[in-house]
Amino acid sequence: MTALAISNVVLWLVVIALSVALLAVIRQLGVLHERIAPVGALMLAKGLKVGELAPTIAAEDLDGRAITVGAVRSDGRATLVVFVSPTCPVCKTLLPALKSSLAAERDWLDIILASDGEAGSQRDFVTAQRLNAFPYIVSAPLGISYQVSRLPFAVLIDAEGVLRARGIVNSREHLESLFEAKRLGFASIQDYFEAAMQNQAA
């Protein structure tokens, strides 16, 4: 009985020690999470420069409505153009975030979806994914003008026709980083944190 009692005590001591160690690891993970800067939309080295006038491209959406992307707007609203494709799995995972952004940012932002290819498959995509609330442009020249090389890709254009943010948007965080970058006046969230670190170092 004495050996059994001793083994039970030792076992409980080991369990308590492991619990304390686990709590310490969880706390350290929380500290690391706070220190890691949020990841913004993935900027490409090549392409249009943020802060320059965006290309002005006249097009029509699938419903035949004329839309001019990049034009100066008298209503003061910004435009987010998100390039997607029916064959892009990541694009489909991003759609719920786009739908919620359409509602959450409606006071200042219009969201346009853009693609290229055969119009019939694009219409099927719009129907299957319930994207009727978005203007949907099928235009190869639009993607070429905005130098889209990977999907999903987004460009944010202000009311003056100036490109304010751009990048590959693989997640809700990437998408929202474009809005935050515009609010902060930087090309990307990465640029903002880089500037903040330089100011701290100075």
Protein backbone atom coordinates (compact mmCIF):
# COMPACT_ATOMS: atom_id res chain seq x y z
CA MET A 1 0.00 0.00 0.00
CA THR A 2 2.86 2.35 0.77
CA ALA A 3 4.34 1.90 -2.73
CA LEU A 4 0.91 2.50 -4.29
CA ALA A 5 0.42 5.67 -2.27
CA ILE A 6 3.86 6.94 -3.23
CA SER A 7 3.23 6.22 -6.94
CA ASN A 8 -0.09 8.09 -6.78
CA VAL A 9 1.57 11.09 -5.17
CA VAL A 10 4.33 11.08 -7.77
CA LEU A 11 1.76 10.76 -10.57
CA TRP A 12 -0.22 13.74 -9.26
CA LEU A 13 2.96 15.79 -8.94
CA VAL A 14 3.80 15.00 -12.58
CA VAL A 15 0.26 15.95 -13.69
CA ILE A 16 0.45 19.25 -11.80
CA ALA A 17 3.88 20.01 -13.26
CA LEU A 18 2.67 19.29 -16.78
CA SER A 19 -0.40 21.48 -16.24
CA VAL A 20 1.77 24.37 -15.09
CA ALA A 21 4.06 23.90 -18.10
CA LEU A 22 1.07 23.84 -20.45
CA LEU A 23 -0.31 27.06 -18.97
CA ALA A 24 3.10 28.69 -19.43
CA VAL A 25 3.20 27.60 -23.10
CA ILE A 26 -0.34 28.90 -23.72
CA ARG A 27 0.59 32.24 -22.13
CA GLN A 28 3.71 32.48 -24.29
CA LEU A 29 1.68 31.75 -27.44
CA GLY A 30 -0.66 34.60 -26.50
CA VAL A 31 2.30 36.97 -26.10
CA LEU A 32 3.71 35.92 -29.49
CA HIS A 33 0.31 36.37 -31.12
CA GLU A 34 0.14 39.96 -29.85
CA ARG A 35 3.62 40.71 -31.18
CA ILE A 36 3.01 39.35 -34.67
CA ALA A 37 1.79 42.06 -37.01
CA PRO A 38 -1.34 41.24 -39.03
CA VAL A 39 -0.67 40.09 -42.57
CA GLY A 40 -1.96 42.42 -45.23
CA ALA A 41 -2.86 41.77 -48.84
CA LEU A 42 0.09 40.28 -50.70
CA MET A 43 1.73 43.04 -52.71
CA LEU A 44 3.47 42.14 -55.95
CA ALA A 45 6.77 43.82 -56.80
CA LYS A 46 5.63 44.53 -60.34
CA GLY A 47 2.49 46.32 -61.42
CA LEU A 48 0.73 49.61 -60.96
CA LYS A 49 2.00 51.97 -58.30
CA VAL A 50 -0.20 52.92 -55.38
CA GLY A 51 -0.78 56.68 -55.37
CA GLU A 52 -0.91 57.00 -59.15
CA LEU A 53 -4.00 57.46 -61.28
CA ALA A 54 -5.70 54.16 -62.00
CA PRO A 55 -6.30 53.14 -65.64
CA THR A 56 -9.73 54.23 -66.84
CA ILE A 57 -11.47 51.32 -68.57
CA ALA A 58 -14.99 51.40 -70.00
CA ALA A 59 -16.85 48.09 -69.77
CA GLU A 60 -20.26 46.51 -69.31
CA ASP A 61 -21.43 44.16 -66.59
CA LEU A 62 -23.31 40.93 -67.31
CA ASP A 63 -26.60 42.84 -67.19
CA GLY A 64 -25.44 45.24 -69.91
CA ARG A 65 -24.93 48.23 -67.61
CA ALA A 66 -22.09 50.55 -68.62
CA ILE A 67 -19.37 50.85 -65.97
CA THR A 68 -16.20 52.91 -66.17
CA VAL A 69 -13.57 51.58 -63.79
CA GLY A 70 -11.02 54.12 -62.55
CA ALA A 71 -12.99 57.23 -63.47
CA VAL A 72 -13.33 60.22 -61.15
CA ARG A 73 -16.57 59.96 -59.16
CA SER A 74 -18.64 62.96 -58.13
CA ASP A 75 -20.37 61.04 -55.33
CA GLY A 76 -17.15 60.68 -53.33
CA ARG A 77 -17.34 56.89 -53.19
CA ALA A 78 -14.40 54.53 -53.57
CA THR A 79 -14.42 51.42 -55.75
CA LEU A 80 -13.01 48.00 -54.96
CA VAL A 81 -12.50 45.80 -58.00
CA VAL A 82 -11.95 42.14 -57.14
CA PHE A 83 -10.72 39.87 -59.92
CA VAL A 84 -12.07 36.33 -59.58
CA SER A 85 -12.69 33.24 -61.68
CA PRO A 86 -15.24 30.40 -61.64
CA THR A 87 -12.34 27.93 -61.67
CA CYS A 88 -10.47 29.52 -58.74
CA PRO A 89 -11.10 27.65 -55.43
CA VAL A 90 -9.62 30.44 -53.30
CA CYS A 91 -11.92 32.95 -54.98
CA LYS A 92 -14.92 30.93 -53.84
CA THR A 93 -13.72 30.87 -50.23
CA LEU A 94 -13.36 34.67 -50.36
CA LEU A 95 -16.93 35.29 -51.52
CA PRO A 96 -18.54 35.29 -48.03
CA ALA A 97 -16.09 37.99 -46.94
CA LEU A 98 -16.94 40.03 -50.03
CA LYS A 99 -20.65 39.71 -49.33
CA SER A 100 -20.23 40.89 -45.75
CA SER A 101 -17.96 43.76 -46.87
CA LEU A 102 -20.59 44.83 -49.40
CA ALA A 103 -22.94 45.44 -46.46
CA ALA A 104 -20.41 46.63 -43.87
CA GLU A 105 -18.66 49.17 -46.12
CA ARG A 106 -21.70 50.32 -48.09
CA ASP A 107 -21.49 53.90 -46.79
CA TRP A 108 -18.30 54.66 -48.73
CA LEU A 109 -17.48 51.73 -51.01
CA ASP A 110 -18.80 50.01 -54.15
CA ILE A 111 -17.52 46.50 -54.91
CA ILE A 112 -17.22 45.23 -58.47
CA LEU A 113 -16.32 41.68 -59.43
CA ALA A 114 -14.34 41.18 -62.61
CA SER A 115 -13.21 38.21 -64.67
CA ASP A 116 -12.59 37.11 -68.22
CA GLY A 117 -13.57 34.15 -70.33
CA GLU A 118 -16.83 32.82 -71.69
CA ALA A 119 -19.86 34.80 -70.54
CA GLY A 120 -22.07 31.72 -70.11
CA SER A 121 -19.82 30.13 -67.49
CA GLN A 122 -19.55 33.48 -65.74
CA ARG A 123 -23.35 33.75 -65.54
CA ASP A 124 -23.52 30.22 -64.12
CA PHE A 125 -20.92 31.21 -61.54
CA VAL A 126 -22.89 34.31 -60.53
CA THR A 127 -26.07 32.24 -60.16
CA ALA A 128 -24.45 29.36 -58.28
CA GLN A 129 -22.64 31.66 -55.83
CA ARG A 130 -25.52 34.15 -55.51
CA LEU A 131 -23.50 37.15 -56.63
CA ASN A 132 -26.35 39.15 -58.15
CA ALA A 133 -25.78 42.00 -55.68
CA PHE A 134 -22.41 42.73 -57.32
CA PRO A 135 -21.81 44.33 -60.71
CA TYR A 136 -19.93 41.58 -62.58
CA ILE A 137 -17.67 42.58 -65.46
CA VAL A 138 -16.26 40.11 -67.97
CA SER A 139 -13.37 41.92 -69.64
CA ALA A 140 -9.87 40.73 -70.54
CA PRO A 141 -8.64 44.33 -71.18
CA LEU A 142 -9.59 45.27 -67.61
CA GLY A 143 -7.37 42.57 -66.11
CA ILE A 144 -4.55 43.42 -68.49
CA SER A 145 -4.74 47.13 -67.68
CA TYR A 146 -4.55 46.45 -63.94
CA GLN A 147 -1.77 43.89 -64.50
CA VAL A 148 -3.53 41.04 -62.76
CA SER A 149 -1.32 37.95 -62.75
CA ARG A 150 -2.79 35.90 -59.88
CA LEU A 151 -6.24 35.45 -58.36
CA PRO A 152 -8.03 36.56 -56.33
CA PHE A 153 -6.64 40.06 -56.83
CA ALA A 154 -8.12 43.35 -55.68
CA VAL A 155 -7.56 47.03 -56.39
CA LEU A 156 -8.98 49.89 -54.33
CA ILE A 157 -9.59 53.15 -56.20
CA ASP A 158 -10.66 56.35 -54.48
CA ALA A 159 -13.21 58.87 -55.76
CA GLU A 160 -10.45 60.85 -57.50
CA GLY A 161 -9.47 57.84 -59.60
CA VAL A 162 -6.26 57.24 -57.61
CA LEU A 163 -5.11 53.70 -56.86
CA ARG A 164 -5.03 53.49 -53.04
CA ALA A 165 -4.27 49.81 -52.42
CA ARG A 166 -3.82 46.58 -54.34
CA GLY A 167 -2.77 43.01 -53.82
CA ILE A 168 -3.61 39.33 -53.75
CA VAL A 169 -6.46 38.74 -51.30
CA ASN A 170 -6.57 35.12 -50.12
CA SER A 171 -8.57 35.76 -46.95
CA ARG A 172 -10.88 38.13 -45.11
CA GLU A 173 -7.83 39.59 -43.33
CA HIS A 174 -6.17 40.39 -46.65
CA LEU A 175 -9.35 42.02 -47.90
CA GLU A 176 -9.85 44.17 -44.81
CA SER A 177 -6.18 45.18 -44.86
CA LEU A 178 -6.86 47.08 -48.10
CA PHE A 179 -9.49 49.18 -46.32
CA GLU A 180 -7.17 49.77 -43.37
CA ALA A 181 -4.26 50.69 -45.64
CA LYS A 182 -6.41 53.32 -47.36
CA ARG A 183 -7.55 54.70 -44.01
CA LEU A 184 -3.96 54.94 -42.77
CA GLY A 185 -2.72 56.45 -46.02
CA PHE A 186 -0.24 53.67 -46.85
CA ALA A 187 0.11 51.40 -49.85
CA SER A 188 -0.21 48.33 -47.62
CA ILE A 189 -0.39 47.27 -43.99
CA GLN A 190 3.20 46.03 -44.34
CA ASP A 191 4.33 49.55 -45.32
CA TYR A 192 2.52 50.97 -42.29
CA PHE A 193 4.26 48.63 -39.84
CA GLU A 194 7.62 49.18 -41.52
CA ALA A 195 7.21 52.93 -41.11
CA ALA A 196 6.10 52.48 -37.49
CA MET A 197 9.19 50.37 -36.73
CA GLN A 198 11.45 52.96 -38.35
CA ASN A 199 9.87 55.71 -36.24
CA GLN A 200 10.42 53.66 -33.09
CA ALA A 201 14.04 53.04 -34.05
CA ALA A 202 14.57 56.75 -34.65
